[in-house]
Amino acid sequence: MSSSPADKHACRALGQAARRRVPDGDRAHLAATAATRLLALPEIAGARTVLAYAACAEEIDPASAITALRERGTAIAYPRLAGPGRLTLHLVIDDTTLVTGAFEIREPPPGAPEISPTEIDAVIVPGVAFDTACERVGHGAGYYDRLLPTLDRAFTVGYAFDEQVLDAIPAEDHDFRLDALVTPTKTLRRTIA
């Protein structure tokens, strides 16, 4: 996308529209292609525990990457809504055990083993829109903007369709900038200024 909207609401609207435009028949292939790129990242390949997400709505689905990571022996964790503005992290061995939680997002069931943020080596981060500098816009509730800074040693990588990548997203002080972004056709790394 060549747009550079001035505010996050416009970015969010552009990202949502872009996701809806991805043909249903292309989604699985595009997700598998992005998974190949994701799995090639040394930070992902070397991770012992990866925090992932269960795709909802029109999000790119990381399921094939998660399956491949488990086959490599990587532990997979998911966030669970634990109260207003707070996520806890839980190991999940089988994604069929995920339950529908708040906002219709699949999350670990009650009783899934909780783990410390310090145990997370890498995070596959969902989003509505991203930019070429690895900024992201989520759904607007700020859950990931609060969670990601607590994972100070974890490698963070956005996962998106190419159509969700904008030239620039306005960033605020509380926004968390990712280490990388993977799409079906590209891998972008954050540059340190």
C-alpha atoms as a PDB file:
ATOM      1  CA  MET A   1       0.000   0.000   0.000  1.00  0.00           C
ATOM      2  CA  SER A   2       1.282   3.451  -0.770  1.00  0.00           C
ATOM      3  CA  SER A   3      -0.882   5.388   1.685  1.00  0.00           C
ATOM      4  CA  SER A   4       0.543   7.250   4.684  1.00  0.00           C
ATOM      5  CA  PRO A   5      -2.524   8.275   6.692  1.00  0.00           C
ATOM      6  CA  ALA A   6      -2.063  10.848   9.420  1.00  0.00           C
ATOM      7  CA  ASP A   7      -3.881   9.097  12.232  1.00  0.00           C
ATOM      8  CA  LYS A   8      -4.284   5.632  13.680  1.00  0.00           C
ATOM      9  CA  HIS A   9      -8.010   5.455  13.039  1.00  0.00           C
ATOM     10  CA  ALA A  10      -7.387   5.921   9.327  1.00  0.00           C
ATOM     11  CA  CYS A  11      -4.576   3.331   9.451  1.00  0.00           C
ATOM     12  CA  ARG A  12      -6.851   0.885  11.239  1.00  0.00           C
ATOM     13  CA  ALA A  13      -9.609   1.397   8.672  1.00  0.00           C
ATOM     14  CA  LEU A  14      -7.150   0.920   5.793  1.00  0.00           C
ATOM     15  CA  GLY A  15      -5.735  -2.236   7.384  1.00  0.00           C
ATOM     16  CA  GLN A  16      -9.164  -3.722   8.028  1.00  0.00           C
ATOM     17  CA  ALA A  17     -10.267  -3.013   4.461  1.00  0.00           C
ATOM     18  CA  ALA A  18      -7.021  -4.477   3.110  1.00  0.00           C
ATOM     19  CA  ARG A  19      -7.487  -7.712   5.071  1.00  0.00           C
ATOM     20  CA  ARG A  20     -11.046  -8.060   3.792  1.00  0.00           C
ATOM     21  CA  ARG A  21      -9.816  -7.722   0.202  1.00  0.00           C
ATOM     22  CA  VAL A  22      -7.549 -10.786   0.450  1.00  0.00           C
ATOM     23  CA  PRO A  23      -9.490 -13.502  -1.421  1.00  0.00           C
ATOM     24  CA  ASP A  24     -10.604 -16.396   0.783  1.00  0.00           C
ATOM     25  CA  GLY A  25      -9.128 -18.851  -1.715  1.00  0.00           C
ATOM     26  CA  ASP A  26      -5.666 -17.267  -1.376  1.00  0.00           C
ATOM     27  CA  ARG A  27      -5.468 -16.992   2.414  1.00  0.00           C
ATOM     28  CA  ALA A  28      -4.105 -20.468   3.244  1.00  0.00           C
ATOM     29  CA  HIS A  29      -1.430 -20.298   0.541  1.00  0.00           C
ATOM     30  CA  LEU A  30      -0.362 -16.790   1.578  1.00  0.00           C
ATOM     31  CA  ALA A  31      -0.216 -17.820   5.245  1.00  0.00           C
ATOM     32  CA  ALA A  32       1.924 -20.860   4.370  1.00  0.00           C
ATOM     33  CA  THR A  33       4.272 -18.674   2.311  1.00  0.00           C
ATOM     34  CA  ALA A  34       4.589 -16.196   5.185  1.00  0.00           C
ATOM     35  CA  ALA A  35       5.161 -19.114   7.582  1.00  0.00           C
ATOM     36  CA  THR A  36       8.168 -20.234   5.527  1.00  0.00           C
ATOM     37  CA  ARG A  37       9.678 -16.754   5.885  1.00  0.00           C
ATOM     38  CA  LEU A  38       8.860 -16.640   9.588  1.00  0.00           C
ATOM     39  CA  LEU A  39      10.423 -20.037  10.289  1.00  0.00           C
ATOM     40  CA  ALA A  40      13.608 -18.971   8.474  1.00  0.00           C
ATOM     41  CA  LEU A  41      14.270 -16.154  10.958  1.00  0.00           C
ATOM     42  CA  PRO A  42      17.161 -17.199  13.236  1.00  0.00           C
ATOM     43  CA  GLU A  43      15.391 -15.703  16.265  1.00  0.00           C
ATOM     44  CA  ILE A  44      12.367 -17.916  15.616  1.00  0.00           C
ATOM     45  CA  ALA A  45      14.422 -20.991  14.714  1.00  0.00           C
ATOM     46  CA  GLY A  46      16.381 -20.680  17.961  1.00  0.00           C
ATOM     47  CA  ALA A  47      13.440 -19.923  20.238  1.00  0.00           C
ATOM     48  CA  ARG A  48      12.539 -22.388  22.983  1.00  0.00           C
ATOM     49  CA  THR A  49       9.152 -20.775  23.695  1.00  0.00           C
ATOM     50  CA  VAL A  50       7.131 -18.700  21.227  1.00  0.00           C
ATOM     51  CA  LEU A  51       4.089 -16.619  22.120  1.00  0.00           C
ATOM     52  CA  ALA A  52       1.589 -16.913  19.271  1.00  0.00           C
ATOM     53  CA  TYR A  53      -1.983 -15.900  18.563  1.00  0.00           C
ATOM     54  CA  ALA A  54      -5.059 -17.685  17.266  1.00  0.00           C
ATOM     55  CA  ALA A  55      -6.251 -15.900  14.139  1.00  0.00           C
ATOM     56  CA  CYS A  56      -9.674 -14.322  14.135  1.00  0.00           C
ATOM     57  CA  ALA A  57     -11.759 -12.562  11.509  1.00  0.00           C
ATOM     58  CA  GLU A  58      -9.600 -11.794   8.489  1.00  0.00           C
ATOM     59  CA  GLU A  59      -6.203 -12.078  10.243  1.00  0.00           C
ATOM     60  CA  ILE A  60      -3.424 -14.041   8.574  1.00  0.00           C
ATOM     61  CA  ASP A  61      -3.407 -17.448  10.262  1.00  0.00           C
ATOM     62  CA  PRO A  62      -0.116 -18.533  11.884  1.00  0.00           C
ATOM     63  CA  ALA A  63      -1.370 -22.130  12.350  1.00  0.00           C
ATOM     64  CA  SER A  64       1.043 -23.700   9.837  1.00  0.00           C
ATOM     65  CA  ALA A  65       3.990 -21.911  11.465  1.00  0.00           C
ATOM     66  CA  ILE A  66       2.814 -23.011  14.915  1.00  0.00           C
ATOM     67  CA  THR A  67       2.541 -26.628  13.759  1.00  0.00           C
ATOM     68  CA  ALA A  68       6.060 -26.511  12.311  1.00  0.00           C
ATOM     69  CA  LEU A  69       7.434 -24.945  15.497  1.00  0.00           C
ATOM     70  CA  ARG A  70       5.867 -27.662  17.641  1.00  0.00           C
ATOM     71  CA  GLU A  71       7.363 -30.310  15.331  1.00  0.00           C
ATOM     72  CA  ARG A  72      10.773 -28.721  16.022  1.00  0.00           C
ATOM     73  CA  GLY A  73      10.181 -29.021  19.760  1.00  0.00           C
ATOM     74  CA  THR A  74       9.323 -25.367  20.393  1.00  0.00           C
ATOM     75  CA  ALA A  75       6.846 -24.702  23.194  1.00  0.00           C
ATOM     76  CA  ILE A  76       3.885 -22.533  22.160  1.00  0.00           C
ATOM     77  CA  ALA A  77       2.129 -20.110  24.479  1.00  0.00           C
ATOM     78  CA  TYR A  78      -0.925 -17.935  23.950  1.00  0.00           C
ATOM     79  CA  PRO A  79      -2.204 -14.867  25.801  1.00  0.00           C
ATOM     80  CA  ARG A  80      -5.369 -15.058  27.891  1.00  0.00           C
ATOM     81  CA  LEU A  81      -7.431 -12.066  28.983  1.00  0.00           C
ATOM     82  CA  ALA A  82      -7.118 -11.979  32.769  1.00  0.00           C
ATOM     83  CA  GLY A  83      -8.984  -8.786  33.538  1.00  0.00           C
ATOM     84  CA  PRO A  84      -9.277  -5.228  32.305  1.00  0.00           C
ATOM     85  CA  GLY A  85      -6.176  -4.447  30.262  1.00  0.00           C
ATOM     86  CA  ARG A  86      -4.248  -7.499  31.472  1.00  0.00           C
ATOM     87  CA  LEU A  87      -3.065 -10.599  29.636  1.00  0.00           C
ATOM     88  CA  THR A  88      -1.507 -13.709  31.152  1.00  0.00           C
ATOM     89  CA  LEU A  89       0.580 -16.199  29.169  1.00  0.00           C
ATOM     90  CA  HIS A  90      -0.183 -19.921  29.035  1.00  0.00           C
ATOM     91  CA  LEU A  91       1.416 -22.964  27.435  1.00  0.00           C
ATOM     92  CA  VAL A  92      -0.823 -24.818  25.003  1.00  0.00           C
ATOM     93  CA  ILE A  93       0.113 -28.248  23.667  1.00  0.00           C
ATOM     94  CA  ASP A  94      -2.944 -28.714  21.459  1.00  0.00           C
ATOM     95  CA  ASP A  95      -4.713 -25.797  19.773  1.00  0.00           C
ATOM     96  CA  THR A  96      -8.007 -27.699  19.788  1.00  0.00           C
ATOM     97  CA  THR A  97      -8.149 -26.920  23.526  1.00  0.00           C
ATOM     98  CA  LEU A  98      -8.381 -23.161  22.885  1.00  0.00           C
ATOM     99  CA  VAL A  99     -11.686 -21.644  23.963  1.00  0.00           C
ATOM    100  CA  THR A 100     -13.515 -18.555  22.762  1.00  0.00           C
ATOM    101  CA  GLY A 101     -12.899 -15.709  25.179  1.00  0.00           C
ATOM    102  CA  ALA A 102     -13.531 -11.990  25.274  1.00  0.00           C
ATOM    103  CA  PHE A 103     -13.815 -10.213  21.932  1.00  0.00           C
ATOM    104  CA  GLU A 104     -14.425 -13.647  20.294  1.00  0.00           C
ATOM    105  CA  ILE A 105     -10.666 -14.372  20.486  1.00  0.00           C
ATOM    106  CA  ARG A 106      -9.579 -17.964  21.039  1.00  0.00           C
ATOM    107  CA  GLU A 107      -7.403 -18.268  24.130  1.00  0.00           C
ATOM    108  CA  PRO A 108      -6.055 -20.923  26.505  1.00  0.00           C
ATOM    109  CA  PRO A 109      -8.675 -22.666  28.617  1.00  0.00           C
ATOM    110  CA  PRO A 110      -8.906 -22.128  32.369  1.00  0.00           C
ATOM    111  CA  GLY A 111      -6.254 -24.253  34.018  1.00  0.00           C
ATOM    112  CA  ALA A 112      -3.735 -24.073  31.162  1.00  0.00           C
ATOM    113  CA  PRO A 113      -0.239 -23.775  32.682  1.00  0.00           C
ATOM    114  CA  GLU A 114       0.679 -20.112  33.171  1.00  0.00           C
ATOM    115  CA  ILE A 115       4.239 -19.077  32.357  1.00  0.00           C
ATOM    116  CA  SER A 116       6.330 -16.043  33.173  1.00  0.00           C
ATOM    117  CA  PRO A 117       6.999 -13.381  30.530  1.00  0.00           C
ATOM    118  CA  THR A 118      10.709 -14.121  31.041  1.00  0.00           C
ATOM    119  CA  GLU A 119      10.174 -17.566  29.487  1.00  0.00           C
ATOM    120  CA  ILE A 120       9.135 -16.109  26.115  1.00  0.00           C
ATOM    121  CA  ASP A 121      11.912 -16.018  23.504  1.00  0.00           C
ATOM    122  CA  ALA A 122       9.889 -14.757  20.534  1.00  0.00           C
ATOM    123  CA  VAL A 123       6.430 -13.362  19.826  1.00  0.00           C
ATOM    124  CA  ILE A 124       4.356 -13.658  16.649  1.00  0.00           C
ATOM    125  CA  VAL A 125       2.372 -10.420  16.840  1.00  0.00           C
ATOM    126  CA  PRO A 126      -1.000  -9.862  15.156  1.00  0.00           C
ATOM    127  CA  GLY A 127      -2.132  -6.472  13.966  1.00  0.00           C
ATOM    128  CA  VAL A 128      -4.523  -4.596  11.751  1.00  0.00           C
ATOM    129  CA  ALA A 129      -1.867  -2.533   9.957  1.00  0.00           C
ATOM    130  CA  PHE A 130       1.925  -2.323   9.965  1.00  0.00           C
ATOM    131  CA  ASP A 131       4.489  -0.091   8.321  1.00  0.00           C
ATOM    132  CA  THR A 132       7.928  -0.541   6.810  1.00  0.00           C
ATOM    133  CA  ALA A 133       9.571   0.674  10.054  1.00  0.00           C
ATOM    134  CA  CYS A 134       7.909  -2.187  12.023  1.00  0.00           C
ATOM    135  CA  GLU A 135       5.303  -0.008  13.736  1.00  0.00           C
ATOM    136  CA  ARG A 136       1.878  -1.588  14.179  1.00  0.00           C
ATOM    137  CA  VAL A 137      -1.722  -0.679  14.791  1.00  0.00           C
ATOM    138  CA  GLY A 138      -3.878  -3.202  16.591  1.00  0.00           C
ATOM    139  CA  HIS A 139      -7.582  -3.167  17.282  1.00  0.00           C
ATOM    140  CA  GLY A 140      -7.241  -0.173  19.595  1.00  0.00           C
ATOM    141  CA  ALA A 141      -7.462  -1.660  23.091  1.00  0.00           C
ATOM    142  CA  GLY A 142      -3.694  -1.510  23.712  1.00  0.00           C
ATOM    143  CA  TYR A 143      -3.297  -5.066  25.033  1.00  0.00           C
ATOM    144  CA  TYR A 144      -0.161  -5.811  23.025  1.00  0.00           C
ATOM    145  CA  ASP A 145       1.257  -2.316  23.642  1.00  0.00           C
ATOM    146  CA  ARG A 146       1.115  -3.123  27.369  1.00  0.00           C
ATOM    147  CA  LEU A 147       2.228  -6.764  27.071  1.00  0.00           C
ATOM    148  CA  LEU A 148       5.203  -6.494  24.733  1.00  0.00           C
ATOM    149  CA  PRO A 149       7.353  -4.207  26.920  1.00  0.00           C
ATOM    150  CA  THR A 150       7.126  -6.827  29.704  1.00  0.00           C
ATOM    151  CA  LEU A 151       8.816  -9.319  27.362  1.00  0.00           C
ATOM    152  CA  ASP A 152      12.019  -7.303  27.259  1.00  0.00           C
ATOM    153  CA  ARG A 153      14.260 -10.084  25.983  1.00  0.00           C
ATOM    154  CA  ALA A 154      11.811 -11.523  23.436  1.00  0.00           C
ATOM    155  CA  PHE A 155      12.156 -11.048  19.675  1.00  0.00           C
ATOM    156  CA  THR A 156       8.913  -9.539  18.324  1.00  0.00           C
ATOM    157  CA  VAL A 157       7.756 -10.129  14.766  1.00  0.00           C
ATOM    158  CA  GLY A 158       4.583  -8.850  13.146  1.00  0.00           C
ATOM    159  CA  TYR A 159       2.762 -11.292  10.883  1.00  0.00           C
ATOM    160  CA  ALA A 160       0.572  -9.885   8.120  1.00  0.00           C
ATOM    161  CA  PHE A 161      -0.655  -9.963   4.561  1.00  0.00           C
ATOM    162  CA  ASP A 162       1.263  -7.636   2.217  1.00  0.00           C
ATOM    163  CA  GLU A 163      -1.901  -5.587   1.795  1.00  0.00           C
ATOM    164  CA  GLN A 164      -1.728  -4.569   5.483  1.00  0.00           C
ATOM    165  CA  VAL A 165       1.654  -2.844   5.146  1.00  0.00           C
ATOM    166  CA  LEU A 166       1.453   0.949   4.916  1.00  0.00           C
ATOM    167  CA  ASP A 167       4.301   3.342   4.205  1.00  0.00           C
ATOM    168  CA  ALA A 168       4.064   4.928   7.651  1.00  0.00           C
ATOM    169  CA  ILE A 169       1.978   4.692  10.804  1.00  0.00           C
ATOM    170  CA  PRO A 170       1.939   7.557  13.304  1.00  0.00           C
ATOM    171  CA  ALA A 171       3.613   6.347  16.492  1.00  0.00           C
ATOM    172  CA  GLU A 172       3.002   7.545  20.021  1.00  0.00           C
ATOM    173  CA  ASP A 173       5.281   7.159  23.045  1.00  0.00           C
ATOM    174  CA  HIS A 174       3.306   4.189  24.415  1.00  0.00           C
ATOM    175  CA  ASP A 175       3.371   2.295  21.096  1.00  0.00           C
ATOM    176  CA  PHE A 176       5.665  -0.711  20.914  1.00  0.00           C
ATOM    177  CA  ARG A 177       7.848  -0.983  17.829  1.00  0.00           C
ATOM    178  CA  LEU A 178       8.476  -4.533  16.617  1.00  0.00           C
ATOM    179  CA  ASP A 179      11.850  -6.067  15.791  1.00  0.00           C
ATOM    180  CA  ALA A 180      10.649  -7.392  12.433  1.00  0.00           C
ATOM    181  CA  LEU A 181       7.662  -7.862  10.143  1.00  0.00           C
ATOM    182  CA  VAL A 182       6.975 -10.893   7.953  1.00  0.00           C
ATOM    183  CA  THR A 183       4.533 -11.014   5.042  1.00  0.00           C
ATOM    184  CA  PRO A 184       4.176 -13.556   2.236  1.00  0.00           C
ATOM    185  CA  THR A 185       6.632 -11.598   0.055  1.00  0.00           C
ATOM    186  CA  LYS A 186       8.991  -9.806   2.430  1.00  0.00           C
ATOM    187  CA  THR A 187      10.825  -9.771   5.709  1.00  0.00           C
ATOM    188  CA  LEU A 188      11.459  -6.316   7.153  1.00  0.00           C
ATOM    189  CA  ARG A 189      13.761  -5.595  10.074  1.00  0.00           C
ATOM    190  CA  ARG A 190      13.591  -2.569  12.341  1.00  0.00           C
ATOM    191  CA  THR A 191      16.486  -0.222  11.874  1.00  0.00           C
ATOM    192  CA  ILE A 192      17.999   1.204  15.029  1.00  0.00           C
ATOM    193  CA  ALA A 193      18.448   4.966  14.675  1.00  0.00           C
END
